[in-house]
Protein backbone atom coordinates (compact mmCIF):
# COMPACT_ATOMS: atom_id res chain seq x y z
CA UNK A 1 92.12 74.74 67.39
CA UNK A 2 93.92 74.20 70.69
CA UNK A 3 94.43 76.92 73.29
CA UNK A 4 98.04 77.36 74.44
CA UNK A 5 98.61 79.34 77.66
CA UNK A 6 101.46 79.92 80.08
CA UNK A 7 104.73 81.80 79.57
CA UNK A 8 104.20 82.37 75.85
CA UNK A 9 105.70 85.86 75.48
CA UNK A 10 109.31 84.74 74.83
CA UNK A 11 108.14 82.41 72.04
CA UNK A 12 105.24 84.37 70.58
CA UNK A 13 106.91 84.82 67.18
CA UNK A 14 107.48 81.06 66.88
CA UNK A 15 103.86 80.40 67.85
CA UNK A 16 102.73 82.87 65.19
CA UNK A 17 104.90 81.00 62.67
CA UNK A 18 103.03 77.80 63.59
CA UNK A 19 99.79 79.53 62.63
CA UNK A 20 98.81 80.63 66.11
CA UNK A 21 96.40 83.50 66.68
CA UNK A 22 96.25 85.44 69.98
CA UNK A 23 92.94 85.10 71.82
CA UNK A 24 92.66 88.14 74.13
CA UNK A 25 89.55 86.83 75.87
CA UNK A 26 91.19 83.54 76.87
CA UNK A 27 94.65 85.16 77.20
CA UNK A 28 96.27 82.44 75.17
CA UNK A 29 97.11 81.33 71.64
CA UNK A 30 94.78 79.36 69.40
CA UNK A 31 97.00 76.94 67.48
CA UNK A 32 95.95 74.41 64.82
CA UNK A 33 95.49 70.97 66.37
CA UNK A 34 98.28 69.42 64.28
CA UNK A 35 100.79 72.00 65.67
CA UNK A 36 99.60 71.95 69.31
CA UNK A 37 102.27 69.55 70.59
CA UNK A 38 105.06 71.59 68.98
CA UNK A 39 103.65 74.81 70.48
CA UNK A 40 103.38 73.20 73.94
CA UNK A 41 107.03 72.12 73.69
CA UNK A 42 108.05 75.69 72.79
CA UNK A 43 106.23 77.07 75.83
CA UNK A 44 107.61 74.39 78.13
CA UNK A 45 111.19 75.22 77.08
CA UNK A 46 110.70 79.01 77.02
CA UNK A 47 113.07 81.07 79.19
CA UNK A 48 111.48 82.43 82.33
CA UNK A 49 110.39 86.06 82.00
CA UNK A 50 111.82 88.48 84.54
CA UNK A 51 109.29 90.32 86.64
CA UNK A 52 109.47 93.52 88.62
CA UNK A 53 109.62 91.53 91.84
CA UNK A 54 112.65 89.59 90.52
CA UNK A 55 114.44 92.86 89.77
CA UNK A 56 113.59 94.22 93.22
CA UNK A 57 114.75 91.06 95.00
CA UNK A 58 118.06 91.13 93.13
CA UNK A 59 118.57 94.81 93.94
CA UNK A 60 117.85 94.25 97.65
CA UNK A 61 120.28 91.34 97.77
CA UNK A 62 123.00 93.47 96.13
CA UNK A 63 122.40 96.41 98.51
CA UNK A 64 122.39 94.29 101.68
CA UNK A 65 125.49 93.83 103.78
CA UNK A 66 125.66 92.63 107.39
CA UNK A 67 121.88 92.39 107.46
CA UNK A 68 121.42 96.10 106.68
CA UNK A 69 120.14 97.60 103.46
CA UNK A 70 122.03 100.53 101.95
CA UNK A 71 119.03 102.59 100.81
CA UNK A 72 121.06 104.83 98.50
CA UNK A 73 122.58 101.86 96.70
CA UNK A 74 119.15 100.26 96.43
CA UNK A 75 117.64 103.45 95.03
CA UNK A 76 120.46 103.82 92.51
CA UNK A 77 120.29 100.21 91.35
CA UNK A 78 116.53 100.39 90.84
CA UNK A 79 116.70 103.81 89.23
CA UNK A 80 114.19 105.13 91.76
CA UNK A 81 113.96 108.89 91.94
CA UNK A 82 115.24 109.23 88.40
CA UNK A 83 112.89 110.69 85.85
CA UNK A 84 113.10 109.74 82.22
CA UNK A 85 114.14 112.37 79.75
CA UNK A 86 111.31 114.81 79.19
CA UNK A 87 109.23 113.46 82.05
CA UNK A 88 108.51 115.04 85.39
CA UNK A 89 110.60 114.05 88.37
CA UNK A 90 108.76 111.71 90.75
CA UNK A 91 110.46 113.23 93.79
CA UNK A 92 109.61 116.89 93.27
CA UNK A 93 106.65 116.48 90.86
CA UNK A 94 108.38 118.73 88.33
CA UNK A 95 108.83 121.75 90.59
CA UNK A 96 112.59 121.25 90.97
CA UNK A 97 112.31 121.61 94.74
CA UNK A 98 111.73 119.01 97.41
CA UNK A 99 110.76 120.38 100.86
CA UNK A 100 112.22 123.78 99.98
CA UNK A 101 115.58 122.36 98.80
CA UNK A 102 116.69 121.60 95.21
CA UNK A 103 115.75 118.06 94.26
CA UNK A 104 118.66 115.56 93.99
CA UNK A 105 117.03 113.63 91.16
CA UNK A 106 116.62 116.52 88.76
CA UNK A 107 119.25 118.94 90.10
CA UNK A 108 116.65 121.58 90.84
CA UNK A 109 115.57 121.80 87.22
CA UNK A 110 112.34 119.84 87.60
CA UNK A 111 113.30 117.49 84.79
CA UNK A 112 116.03 114.91 84.22
CA UNK A 113 118.58 116.02 81.66
């Protein structure tokens, strides 16, 4: 068995089809030796996974004009301050009020609708 590591997430189903088994200790795939070259080629040609930092960098670039960052546009594009349905608001911690005023993110209800 040959250990395959790297950006394997986008091609994990194809690696499984080659007979690969995930090795959580080594954080890679154990693939039969006769399929190792094919698995390496899959990983080498895999699309790059987006990370949180990529999303943040793109949002900052979109919100920047004349060297200044529009914080509201940045917050809206990242979804910051927005709670998911049924979850507590990060701004007001579910109270519905932020510094004595109704919270913008949850409209004073404590939860996103």
